[in-house]
Amino acid sequence: MNRDEALALLKKNLKNKNLFNHSLAVEAVMRRLAEHFSEDVEKWGLAGLLHDIDYDRTKDDHARHSIEGAEMLAGLGLPDDIVYAVKVHNDIHGLPRLSLMDKALFATDPLTGLIVAGALIRPEKKLAAIDVPFLLKRFGEKAFARGANRETISACTETGLSLEEFMALGLEAMQGIAKELNL
């Protein structure tokens, strides 16, 4: 599956614009991380883009989220490593994160929410208005972006990156697609 096919599939399955933008953000960060780790940028990008493909159907049953998505992607013939990364990004299943891609996707998912929240509290409401020190400060504020699970984001250390390095790569990636995200 190429990116255009994946985008068409995503548009067919996700009707919420914010969730669609979240998928674009996760894709961008995963692509940047793949570059950093000298991994397959296209494969990591697809995992990020499609990780929440089932969310419209499973949002009221979190225990089914990512299982249905993984099944859908497997049925479409996507590689097993992408399917598994999608499945394990939802930690409710208790499945081990085995590959570097699994670990990166797990931590990236909530990071994008923290970064978006950081941009939205600035008067400019732009990604260009924030930096890593700003995000690190907000990361320590429990009331800020409650949905961005700090423990999950901190799991970035499983990839060998520090929290600061991870945030820097994530912010850089999202700033690179700021126009697409309307941020």
N, C-alpha and C. Protein backbone atom coordinates (compact mmCIF):
# COMPACT_ATOMS: atom_id res chain seq x y z
N MET A 1 0.85 -1.18 0.00
CA MET A 1 0.00 0.00 0.00
C MET A 1 0.90 1.24 0.00
N ASN A 2 0.59 2.16 -0.89
CA ASN A 2 1.37 3.40 -0.90
C ASN A 2 0.63 4.47 -0.07
N ARG A 3 1.25 5.63 0.08
CA ARG A 3 0.68 6.67 0.94
C ARG A 3 -0.66 7.16 0.41
N ASP A 4 -0.80 7.33 -0.89
CA ASP A 4 -2.07 7.80 -1.45
C ASP A 4 -3.20 6.81 -1.15
N GLU A 5 -2.91 5.53 -1.28
CA GLU A 5 -3.92 4.51 -0.95
C GLU A 5 -4.25 4.53 0.53
N ALA A 6 -3.23 4.73 1.36
CA ALA A 6 -3.45 4.79 2.81
C ALA A 6 -4.28 6.01 3.18
N LEU A 7 -4.01 7.15 2.56
CA LEU A 7 -4.80 8.35 2.82
C LEU A 7 -6.26 8.15 2.43
N ALA A 8 -6.50 7.51 1.29
CA ALA A 8 -7.87 7.23 0.86
C ALA A 8 -8.57 6.32 1.85
N LEU A 9 -7.87 5.32 2.33
CA LEU A 9 -8.43 4.40 3.33
C LEU A 9 -8.74 5.14 4.62
N LEU A 10 -7.84 6.01 5.02
CA LEU A 10 -8.04 6.79 6.25
C LEU A 10 -9.26 7.70 6.11
N LYS A 11 -9.37 8.39 4.98
CA LYS A 11 -10.51 9.28 4.76
C LYS A 11 -11.84 8.52 4.76
N LYS A 12 -11.80 7.29 4.26
CA LYS A 12 -13.00 6.46 4.23
C LYS A 12 -13.42 6.03 5.64
N ASN A 13 -12.43 5.83 6.52
CA ASN A 13 -12.71 5.26 7.84
C ASN A 13 -12.75 6.27 8.99
N LEU A 14 -12.16 7.45 8.81
CA LEU A 14 -12.15 8.46 9.87
C LEU A 14 -12.87 9.70 9.39
N LYS A 15 -13.94 10.04 10.05
CA LYS A 15 -14.72 11.22 9.65
C LYS A 15 -14.35 12.46 10.48
N ASN A 16 -13.75 12.27 11.65
CA ASN A 16 -13.40 13.38 12.53
C ASN A 16 -12.12 14.05 12.03
N LYS A 17 -12.20 15.33 11.71
CA LYS A 17 -11.06 16.08 11.14
C LYS A 17 -9.88 16.12 12.13
N ASN A 18 -10.18 16.29 13.42
CA ASN A 18 -9.09 16.32 14.40
C ASN A 18 -8.35 14.99 14.47
N LEU A 19 -9.10 13.90 14.39
CA LEU A 19 -8.48 12.58 14.40
C LEU A 19 -7.68 12.34 13.12
N PHE A 20 -8.20 12.82 12.01
CA PHE A 20 -7.46 12.72 10.75
C PHE A 20 -6.14 13.50 10.86
N ASN A 21 -6.21 14.72 11.40
CA ASN A 21 -4.98 15.51 11.58
C ASN A 21 -4.02 14.85 12.55
N HIS A 22 -4.57 14.23 13.59
CA HIS A 22 -3.72 13.48 14.53
C HIS A 22 -2.96 12.38 13.79
N SER A 23 -3.65 11.69 12.90
CA SER A 23 -2.99 10.62 12.12
C SER A 23 -1.89 11.18 11.24
N LEU A 24 -2.13 12.35 10.64
CA LEU A 24 -1.08 12.99 9.84
C LEU A 24 0.12 13.38 10.70
N ALA A 25 -0.15 13.86 11.90
CA ALA A 25 0.93 14.25 12.82
C ALA A 25 1.75 13.04 13.24
N VAL A 26 1.06 11.95 13.59
CA VAL A 26 1.77 10.73 14.00
C VAL A 26 2.60 10.21 12.83
N GLU A 27 2.04 10.27 11.63
CA GLU A 27 2.80 9.85 10.45
C GLU A 27 4.08 10.68 10.32
N ALA A 28 3.97 11.99 10.43
CA ALA A 28 5.13 12.86 10.26
C ALA A 28 6.21 12.55 11.29
N VAL A 29 5.80 12.37 12.54
CA VAL A 29 6.78 12.07 13.59
C VAL A 29 7.41 10.70 13.35
N MET A 30 6.61 9.73 12.97
CA MET A 30 7.16 8.39 12.71
C MET A 30 8.14 8.43 11.55
N ARG A 31 7.84 9.19 10.53
CA ARG A 31 8.78 9.32 9.40
C ARG A 31 10.10 9.94 9.87
N ARG A 32 9.99 10.96 10.71
CA ARG A 32 11.20 11.64 11.20
C ARG A 32 12.02 10.69 12.09
N LEU A 33 11.34 9.92 12.92
CA LEU A 33 12.04 8.96 13.77
C LEU A 33 12.71 7.88 12.91
N ALA A 34 12.03 7.43 11.87
CA ALA A 34 12.63 6.43 10.97
C ALA A 34 13.91 6.98 10.34
N GLU A 35 13.87 8.24 9.91
CA GLU A 35 15.09 8.87 9.38
C GLU A 35 16.18 8.85 10.43
N HIS A 36 15.84 9.25 11.64
CA HIS A 36 16.82 9.33 12.73
C HIS A 36 17.47 7.96 12.99
N PHE A 37 16.65 6.92 12.96
CA PHE A 37 17.14 5.57 13.27
C PHE A 37 17.59 4.79 12.04
N SER A 38 17.59 5.44 10.86
CA SER A 38 17.95 4.78 9.60
C SER A 38 17.07 3.55 9.34
N GLU A 39 15.77 3.75 9.55
CA GLU A 39 14.79 2.70 9.30
C GLU A 39 14.01 3.04 8.04
N ASP A 40 13.06 2.19 7.68
CA ASP A 40 12.25 2.35 6.47
C ASP A 40 11.22 3.47 6.70
N VAL A 41 11.47 4.62 6.11
CA VAL A 41 10.64 5.80 6.33
C VAL A 41 9.21 5.57 5.84
N GLU A 42 9.05 4.94 4.70
CA GLU A 42 7.70 4.70 4.17
C GLU A 42 6.91 3.76 5.07
N LYS A 43 7.54 2.71 5.52
CA LYS A 43 6.87 1.73 6.38
C LYS A 43 6.49 2.37 7.72
N TRP A 44 7.40 3.09 8.33
CA TRP A 44 7.11 3.74 9.60
C TRP A 44 6.02 4.80 9.42
N GLY A 45 6.06 5.49 8.29
CA GLY A 45 5.03 6.49 8.00
C GLY A 45 3.65 5.86 7.89
N LEU A 46 3.56 4.72 7.21
CA LEU A 46 2.28 4.04 7.09
C LEU A 46 1.76 3.59 8.45
N ALA A 47 2.65 3.09 9.29
CA ALA A 47 2.22 2.68 10.63
C ALA A 47 1.64 3.87 11.39
N GLY A 48 2.29 5.01 11.29
CA GLY A 48 1.78 6.20 11.96
C GLY A 48 0.48 6.69 11.37
N LEU A 49 0.40 6.71 10.07
CA LEU A 49 -0.80 7.21 9.39
C LEU A 49 -2.02 6.35 9.69
N LEU A 50 -1.84 5.05 9.75
CA LEU A 50 -2.96 4.12 9.87
C LEU A 50 -3.21 3.61 11.29
N HIS A 51 -2.46 4.08 12.28
CA HIS A 51 -2.55 3.49 13.61
C HIS A 51 -3.93 3.59 14.25
N ASP A 52 -4.72 4.61 13.91
CA ASP A 52 -6.06 4.78 14.48
C ASP A 52 -7.17 4.55 13.46
N ILE A 53 -6.90 3.75 12.44
CA ILE A 53 -7.83 3.52 11.34
C ILE A 53 -9.20 3.03 11.81
N ASP A 54 -9.24 2.36 12.95
CA ASP A 54 -10.50 1.80 13.46
C ASP A 54 -11.18 2.67 14.49
N TYR A 55 -10.66 3.86 14.77
CA TYR A 55 -11.12 4.62 15.94
C TYR A 55 -12.59 5.03 15.86
N ASP A 56 -13.07 5.40 14.70
CA ASP A 56 -14.49 5.76 14.60
C ASP A 56 -15.40 4.60 15.02
N ARG A 57 -14.97 3.38 14.73
CA ARG A 57 -15.77 2.20 15.08
C ARG A 57 -15.56 1.74 16.51
N THR A 58 -14.40 2.04 17.09
CA THR A 58 -14.07 1.46 18.40
C THR A 58 -13.97 2.50 19.53
N LYS A 59 -14.28 3.76 19.25
CA LYS A 59 -14.09 4.81 20.27
C LYS A 59 -14.88 4.55 21.55
N ASP A 60 -15.97 3.82 21.46
CA ASP A 60 -16.77 3.51 22.65
C ASP A 60 -16.40 2.16 23.26
N ASP A 61 -15.46 1.47 22.68
CA ASP A 61 -15.00 0.17 23.18
C ASP A 61 -13.48 0.12 23.06
N HIS A 62 -12.82 0.79 24.01
CA HIS A 62 -11.36 0.94 23.94
C HIS A 62 -10.65 -0.42 23.89
N ALA A 63 -11.27 -1.45 24.42
CA ALA A 63 -10.66 -2.77 24.40
C ALA A 63 -10.60 -3.36 22.98
N ARG A 64 -11.42 -2.85 22.08
CA ARG A 64 -11.38 -3.32 20.68
C ARG A 64 -10.46 -2.46 19.82
N HIS A 65 -10.18 -1.23 20.31
CA HIS A 65 -9.34 -0.32 19.53
C HIS A 65 -7.96 -0.92 19.31
N SER A 66 -7.50 -0.83 18.15
CA SER A 66 -6.22 -1.31 17.62
C SER A 66 -6.29 -2.79 17.23
N ILE A 67 -7.13 -3.56 17.88
CA ILE A 67 -7.31 -4.96 17.45
C ILE A 67 -8.04 -4.97 16.10
N GLU A 68 -9.16 -4.22 16.03
CA GLU A 68 -9.89 -4.15 14.76
C GLU A 68 -9.04 -3.51 13.67
N GLY A 69 -8.30 -2.47 14.03
CA GLY A 69 -7.44 -1.82 13.04
C GLY A 69 -6.38 -2.77 12.51
N ALA A 70 -5.76 -3.51 13.41
CA ALA A 70 -4.73 -4.48 13.00
C ALA A 70 -5.33 -5.55 12.10
N GLU A 71 -6.53 -6.02 12.45
CA GLU A 71 -7.19 -7.04 11.63
C GLU A 71 -7.50 -6.49 10.24
N MET A 72 -7.97 -5.25 10.19
CA MET A 72 -8.29 -4.62 8.91
C MET A 72 -7.03 -4.52 8.05
N LEU A 73 -5.94 -4.05 8.65
CA LEU A 73 -4.70 -3.86 7.90
C LEU A 73 -4.11 -5.20 7.46
N ALA A 74 -4.21 -6.21 8.31
CA ALA A 74 -3.73 -7.54 7.92
C ALA A 74 -4.53 -8.06 6.74
N GLY A 75 -5.84 -7.85 6.78
CA GLY A 75 -6.71 -8.28 5.69
C GLY A 75 -6.41 -7.59 4.37
N LEU A 76 -5.84 -6.39 4.46
CA LEU A 76 -5.47 -5.65 3.26
C LEU A 76 -4.05 -5.99 2.79
N GLY A 77 -3.38 -6.88 3.52
CA GLY A 77 -2.07 -7.34 3.10
C GLY A 77 -0.90 -6.48 3.54
N LEU A 78 -1.12 -5.61 4.54
CA LEU A 78 0.01 -4.82 5.02
C LEU A 78 1.02 -5.73 5.73
N PRO A 79 2.28 -5.33 5.75
CA PRO A 79 3.31 -6.16 6.38
C PRO A 79 3.01 -6.42 7.87
N ASP A 80 3.42 -7.59 8.31
CA ASP A 80 3.16 -8.02 9.69
C ASP A 80 3.71 -7.03 10.72
N ASP A 81 4.86 -6.41 10.43
CA ASP A 81 5.43 -5.51 11.44
C ASP A 81 4.59 -4.24 11.60
N ILE A 82 3.98 -3.76 10.53
CA ILE A 82 3.08 -2.62 10.64
C ILE A 82 1.83 -3.03 11.42
N VAL A 83 1.27 -4.17 11.07
CA VAL A 83 0.06 -4.67 11.73
C VAL A 83 0.31 -4.82 13.23
N TYR A 84 1.45 -5.37 13.59
CA TYR A 84 1.75 -5.57 15.02
C TYR A 84 1.95 -4.23 15.73
N ALA A 85 2.65 -3.30 15.11
CA ALA A 85 2.87 -1.99 15.72
C ALA A 85 1.53 -1.30 15.98
N VAL A 86 0.61 -1.40 15.02
CA VAL A 86 -0.72 -0.81 15.20
C VAL A 86 -1.43 -1.50 16.37
N LYS A 87 -1.34 -2.81 16.45
CA LYS A 87 -2.01 -3.55 17.51
C LYS A 87 -1.47 -3.17 18.89
N VAL A 88 -0.16 -3.05 19.03
CA VAL A 88 0.43 -2.84 20.37
C VAL A 88 0.48 -1.37 20.78
N HIS A 89 0.07 -0.44 19.90
CA HIS A 89 0.11 0.96 20.34
C HIS A 89 -0.94 1.24 21.41
N ASN A 90 -1.95 0.39 21.53
CA ASN A 90 -2.95 0.51 22.59
C ASN A 90 -2.53 -0.43 23.71
N ASP A 91 -2.02 0.14 24.80
CA ASP A 91 -1.44 -0.70 25.86
C ASP A 91 -2.47 -1.46 26.68
N ILE A 92 -3.76 -1.24 26.42
CA ILE A 92 -4.80 -1.97 27.15
C ILE A 92 -4.69 -3.48 26.92
N HIS A 93 -4.10 -3.87 25.80
CA HIS A 93 -3.99 -5.29 25.46
C HIS A 93 -2.82 -5.98 26.17
N GLY A 94 -1.90 -5.19 26.72
CA GLY A 94 -0.77 -5.77 27.45
C GLY A 94 0.21 -6.54 26.58
N LEU A 95 0.22 -6.26 25.31
CA LEU A 95 1.14 -6.95 24.40
C LEU A 95 2.52 -6.29 24.45
N PRO A 96 3.57 -7.07 24.35
CA PRO A 96 4.91 -6.49 24.40
C PRO A 96 5.25 -5.71 23.14
N ARG A 97 5.94 -4.60 23.34
CA ARG A 97 6.47 -3.82 22.22
C ARG A 97 7.83 -4.44 21.89
N LEU A 98 7.91 -5.06 20.73
CA LEU A 98 9.10 -5.84 20.38
C LEU A 98 10.09 -5.05 19.53
N SER A 99 9.59 -4.40 18.50
CA SER A 99 10.49 -3.73 17.56
C SER A 99 10.66 -2.26 17.91
N LEU A 100 11.64 -1.66 17.31
CA LEU A 100 11.85 -0.22 17.47
C LEU A 100 10.63 0.55 16.97
N MET A 101 10.02 0.09 15.88
CA MET A 101 8.82 0.73 15.36
C MET A 101 7.67 0.65 16.37
N ASP A 102 7.50 -0.51 17.02
CA ASP A 102 6.45 -0.66 18.04
C ASP A 102 6.65 0.38 19.15
N LYS A 103 7.86 0.49 19.61
CA LYS A 103 8.18 1.39 20.72
C LYS A 103 8.00 2.85 20.32
N ALA A 104 8.40 3.17 19.11
CA ALA A 104 8.28 4.55 18.62
C ALA A 104 6.82 4.95 18.46
N LEU A 105 6.01 4.09 17.87
CA LEU A 105 4.59 4.41 17.67
C LEU A 105 3.87 4.56 19.00
N PHE A 106 4.17 3.70 19.94
CA PHE A 106 3.54 3.76 21.26
C PHE A 106 3.76 5.13 21.91
N ALA A 107 4.98 5.62 21.89
CA ALA A 107 5.31 6.90 22.54
C ALA A 107 4.88 8.10 21.70
N THR A 108 4.88 7.95 20.39
CA THR A 108 4.54 9.05 19.50
C THR A 108 3.06 9.42 19.57
N ASP A 109 2.20 8.44 19.68
CA ASP A 109 0.76 8.69 19.67
C ASP A 109 0.36 9.81 20.64
N PRO A 110 0.69 9.73 21.93
CA PRO A 110 0.30 10.82 22.82
C PRO A 110 1.17 12.07 22.70
N LEU A 111 2.40 11.92 22.23
CA LEU A 111 3.27 13.09 22.08
C LEU A 111 2.63 14.12 21.16
N THR A 112 2.01 13.67 20.08
CA THR A 112 1.43 14.62 19.14
C THR A 112 0.33 15.45 19.79
N GLY A 113 -0.43 14.83 20.69
CA GLY A 113 -1.46 15.56 21.41
C GLY A 113 -0.88 16.63 22.32
N LEU A 114 0.21 16.31 22.98
CA LEU A 114 0.88 17.28 23.85
C LEU A 114 1.39 18.46 23.03
N ILE A 115 1.96 18.17 21.88
CA ILE A 115 2.50 19.23 21.02
C ILE A 115 1.37 20.12 20.50
N VAL A 116 0.28 19.53 20.05
CA VAL A 116 -0.86 20.31 19.56
C VAL A 116 -1.41 21.18 20.69
N ALA A 117 -1.58 20.61 21.86
CA ALA A 117 -2.09 21.38 23.00
C ALA A 117 -1.17 22.55 23.32
N GLY A 118 0.14 22.32 23.22
CA GLY A 118 1.10 23.40 23.45
C GLY A 118 0.92 24.53 22.45
N ALA A 119 0.70 24.19 21.21
CA ALA A 119 0.49 25.22 20.18
C ALA A 119 -0.81 25.97 20.41
N LEU A 120 -1.84 25.26 20.80
CA LEU A 120 -3.16 25.88 20.93
C LEU A 120 -3.29 26.83 22.12
N ILE A 121 -2.42 26.70 23.12
CA ILE A 121 -2.52 27.64 24.24
C ILE A 121 -1.73 28.93 23.99
N ARG A 122 -0.96 28.95 22.94
CA ARG A 122 -0.22 30.16 22.58
C ARG A 122 -1.17 31.11 21.83
N PRO A 123 -0.98 32.40 21.98
CA PRO A 123 -1.86 33.35 21.27
C PRO A 123 -1.85 33.14 19.75
N GLU A 124 -0.69 32.75 19.21
CA GLU A 124 -0.56 32.56 17.76
C GLU A 124 -1.27 31.31 17.28
N LYS A 125 -1.44 30.34 18.18
CA LYS A 125 -2.01 29.03 17.86
C LYS A 125 -1.27 28.37 16.70
N LYS A 126 0.06 28.46 16.77
CA LYS A 126 0.92 27.91 15.72
C LYS A 126 2.02 27.06 16.33
N LEU A 127 2.40 26.00 15.64
CA LEU A 127 3.50 25.15 16.08
C LEU A 127 4.82 25.92 16.12
N ALA A 128 4.96 26.90 15.25
CA ALA A 128 6.20 27.69 15.21
C ALA A 128 6.41 28.49 16.49
N ALA A 129 5.35 28.68 17.28
CA ALA A 129 5.44 29.50 18.49
C ALA A 129 5.93 28.72 19.71
N ILE A 130 6.16 27.42 19.55
CA ILE A 130 6.60 26.62 20.70
C ILE A 130 7.96 26.00 20.44
N ASP A 131 8.63 25.65 21.52
CA ASP A 131 9.93 24.98 21.42
C ASP A 131 10.00 23.88 22.47
N VAL A 132 11.09 23.15 22.48
CA VAL A 132 11.22 22.01 23.38
C VAL A 132 11.22 22.44 24.85
N PRO A 133 11.93 23.50 25.27
CA PRO A 133 11.84 23.91 26.68
C PRO A 133 10.39 24.21 27.11
N PHE A 134 9.63 24.84 26.24
CA PHE A 134 8.22 25.11 26.52
C PHE A 134 7.46 23.80 26.74
N LEU A 135 7.68 22.82 25.84
CA LEU A 135 7.00 21.53 25.95
C LEU A 135 7.42 20.77 27.21
N LEU A 136 8.70 20.83 27.53
CA LEU A 136 9.18 20.14 28.74
C LEU A 136 8.54 20.73 29.99
N LYS A 137 8.40 22.04 30.00
CA LYS A 137 7.75 22.70 31.14
C LYS A 137 6.29 22.24 31.24
N ARG A 138 5.58 22.25 30.14
CA ARG A 138 4.18 21.83 30.12
C ARG A 138 4.04 20.34 30.44
N PHE A 139 5.00 19.56 30.04
CA PHE A 139 4.99 18.12 30.31
C PHE A 139 4.89 17.87 31.82
N GLY A 140 5.53 18.72 32.60
CA GLY A 140 5.52 18.57 34.05
C GLY A 140 4.25 19.06 34.72
N GLU A 141 3.37 19.71 33.98
CA GLU A 141 2.12 20.22 34.53
C GLU A 141 1.01 19.18 34.33
N LYS A 142 0.60 18.54 35.41
CA LYS A 142 -0.38 17.46 35.31
C LYS A 142 -1.72 17.90 34.71
N ALA A 143 -2.10 19.15 34.96
CA ALA A 143 -3.40 19.63 34.47
C ALA A 143 -3.37 19.95 32.98
N PHE A 144 -2.19 20.08 32.41
CA PHE A 144 -2.07 20.44 30.99
C PHE A 144 -2.17 19.19 30.12
N ALA A 145 -3.01 19.25 29.09
CA ALA A 145 -3.16 18.16 28.12
C ALA A 145 -3.26 16.81 28.81
N ARG A 146 -4.27 16.69 29.67
CA ARG A 146 -4.45 15.47 30.47
C ARG A 146 -4.49 14.19 29.65
N GLY A 147 -5.01 14.28 28.44
CA GLY A 147 -5.12 13.09 27.60
C GLY A 147 -3.79 12.59 27.05
N ALA A 148 -2.76 13.42 27.15
CA ALA A 148 -1.43 13.02 26.66
C ALA A 148 -0.70 12.31 27.80
N ASN A 149 -0.81 11.01 27.84
CA ASN A 149 -0.27 10.21 28.93
C ASN A 149 1.24 10.36 29.04
N ARG A 150 1.67 10.93 30.16
CA ARG A 150 3.11 11.21 30.36
C ARG A 150 3.94 9.94 30.46
N GLU A 151 3.38 8.91 31.07
CA GLU A 151 4.10 7.65 31.19
C GLU A 151 4.34 7.03 29.80
N THR A 152 3.34 7.11 28.96
CA THR A 152 3.46 6.57 27.60
C THR A 152 4.48 7.37 26.80
N ILE A 153 4.42 8.70 26.89
CA ILE A 153 5.39 9.53 26.18
C ILE A 153 6.80 9.22 26.69
N SER A 154 6.94 9.07 27.99
CA SER A 154 8.26 8.78 28.58
C SER A 154 8.82 7.43 28.14
N ALA A 155 7.95 6.56 27.63
CA ALA A 155 8.42 5.27 27.12
C ALA A 155 9.32 5.46 25.90
N CYS A 156 9.47 6.69 25.45
CA CYS A 156 10.39 6.96 24.33
C CYS A 156 11.80 6.49 24.67
N THR A 157 12.11 6.41 25.96
CA THR A 157 13.45 5.95 26.35
C THR A 157 13.70 4.51 25.91
N GLU A 158 12.61 3.74 25.65
CA GLU A 158 12.77 2.38 25.13
C GLU A 158 13.43 2.39 23.75
N THR A 159 13.36 3.53 23.06
CA THR A 159 13.98 3.66 21.74
C THR A 159 15.44 4.11 21.84
N GLY A 160 15.85 4.49 23.05
CA GLY A 160 17.20 5.01 23.23
C GLY A 160 17.27 6.53 23.20
N LEU A 161 16.12 7.18 23.00
CA LEU A 161 16.09 8.65 22.99
C LEU A 161 15.71 9.17 24.36
N SER A 162 16.28 10.31 24.71
CA SER A 162 15.83 10.99 25.92
C SER A 162 14.50 11.68 25.61
N LEU A 163 13.79 12.06 26.64
CA LEU A 163 12.53 12.78 26.43
C LEU A 163 12.76 14.05 25.63
N GLU A 164 13.82 14.77 25.94
CA GLU A 164 14.12 16.01 25.23
C GLU A 164 14.41 15.75 23.74
N GLU A 165 15.20 14.73 23.45
CA GLU A 165 15.50 14.38 22.05
C GLU A 165 14.23 13.97 21.31
N PHE A 166 13.41 13.18 21.97
CA PHE A 166 12.16 12.71 21.38
C PHE A 166 11.23 13.88 21.06
N MET A 167 11.09 14.78 22.00
CA MET A 167 10.25 15.95 21.77
C MET A 167 10.80 16.82 20.64
N ALA A 168 12.10 16.96 20.58
CA ALA A 168 12.71 17.78 19.52
C ALA A 168 12.42 17.20 18.15
N LEU A 169 12.57 15.89 18.00
CA LEU A 169 12.30 15.25 16.72
C LEU A 169 10.81 15.34 16.37
N GLY A 170 9.96 15.14 17.37
CA GLY A 170 8.53 15.21 17.14
C GLY A 170 8.07 16.61 16.76
N LEU A 171 8.56 17.59 17.47
CA LEU A 171 8.18 18.97 17.17
C LEU A 171 8.68 19.37 15.78
N GLU A 172 9.90 19.02 15.47
CA GLU A 172 10.46 19.33 14.14
C GLU A 172 9.58 18.73 13.04
N ALA A 173 9.19 17.48 13.23
CA ALA A 173 8.37 16.80 12.22
C ALA A 173 7.02 17.48 12.06
N MET A 174 6.40 17.82 13.16
CA MET A 174 5.08 18.45 13.08
C MET A 174 5.17 19.87 12.55
N GLN A 175 6.21 20.58 12.88
CA GLN A 175 6.39 21.92 12.31
C GLN A 175 6.56 21.83 10.80
N GLY A 176 7.12 20.74 10.34
CA GLY A 176 7.29 20.53 8.89
C GLY A 176 5.99 20.35 8.13
N ILE A 177 4.92 19.97 8.83
CA ILE A 177 3.62 19.82 8.17
C ILE A 177 2.58 20.76 8.81
N ALA A 178 3.04 21.83 9.41
CA ALA A 178 2.15 22.74 10.13
C ALA A 178 1.01 23.27 9.25
N LYS A 179 1.29 23.52 7.99
CA LYS A 179 0.25 24.02 7.10
C LYS A 179 -0.86 22.99 6.92
N GLU A 180 -0.48 21.71 6.74
CA GLU A 180 -1.46 20.65 6.60
C GLU A 180 -2.32 20.50 7.87
N LEU A 181 -1.69 20.75 9.02
CA LEU A 181 -2.38 20.61 10.30
C LEU A 181 -3.15 21.87 10.70
N ASN A 182 -3.01 22.92 9.89
CA ASN A 182 -3.59 24.23 10.21
C ASN A 182 -3.09 24.76 11.55
N LEU A 183 -1.84 24.51 11.81
CA LEU A 183 -1.19 24.97 13.04
C LEU A 183 0.13 25.65 12.70
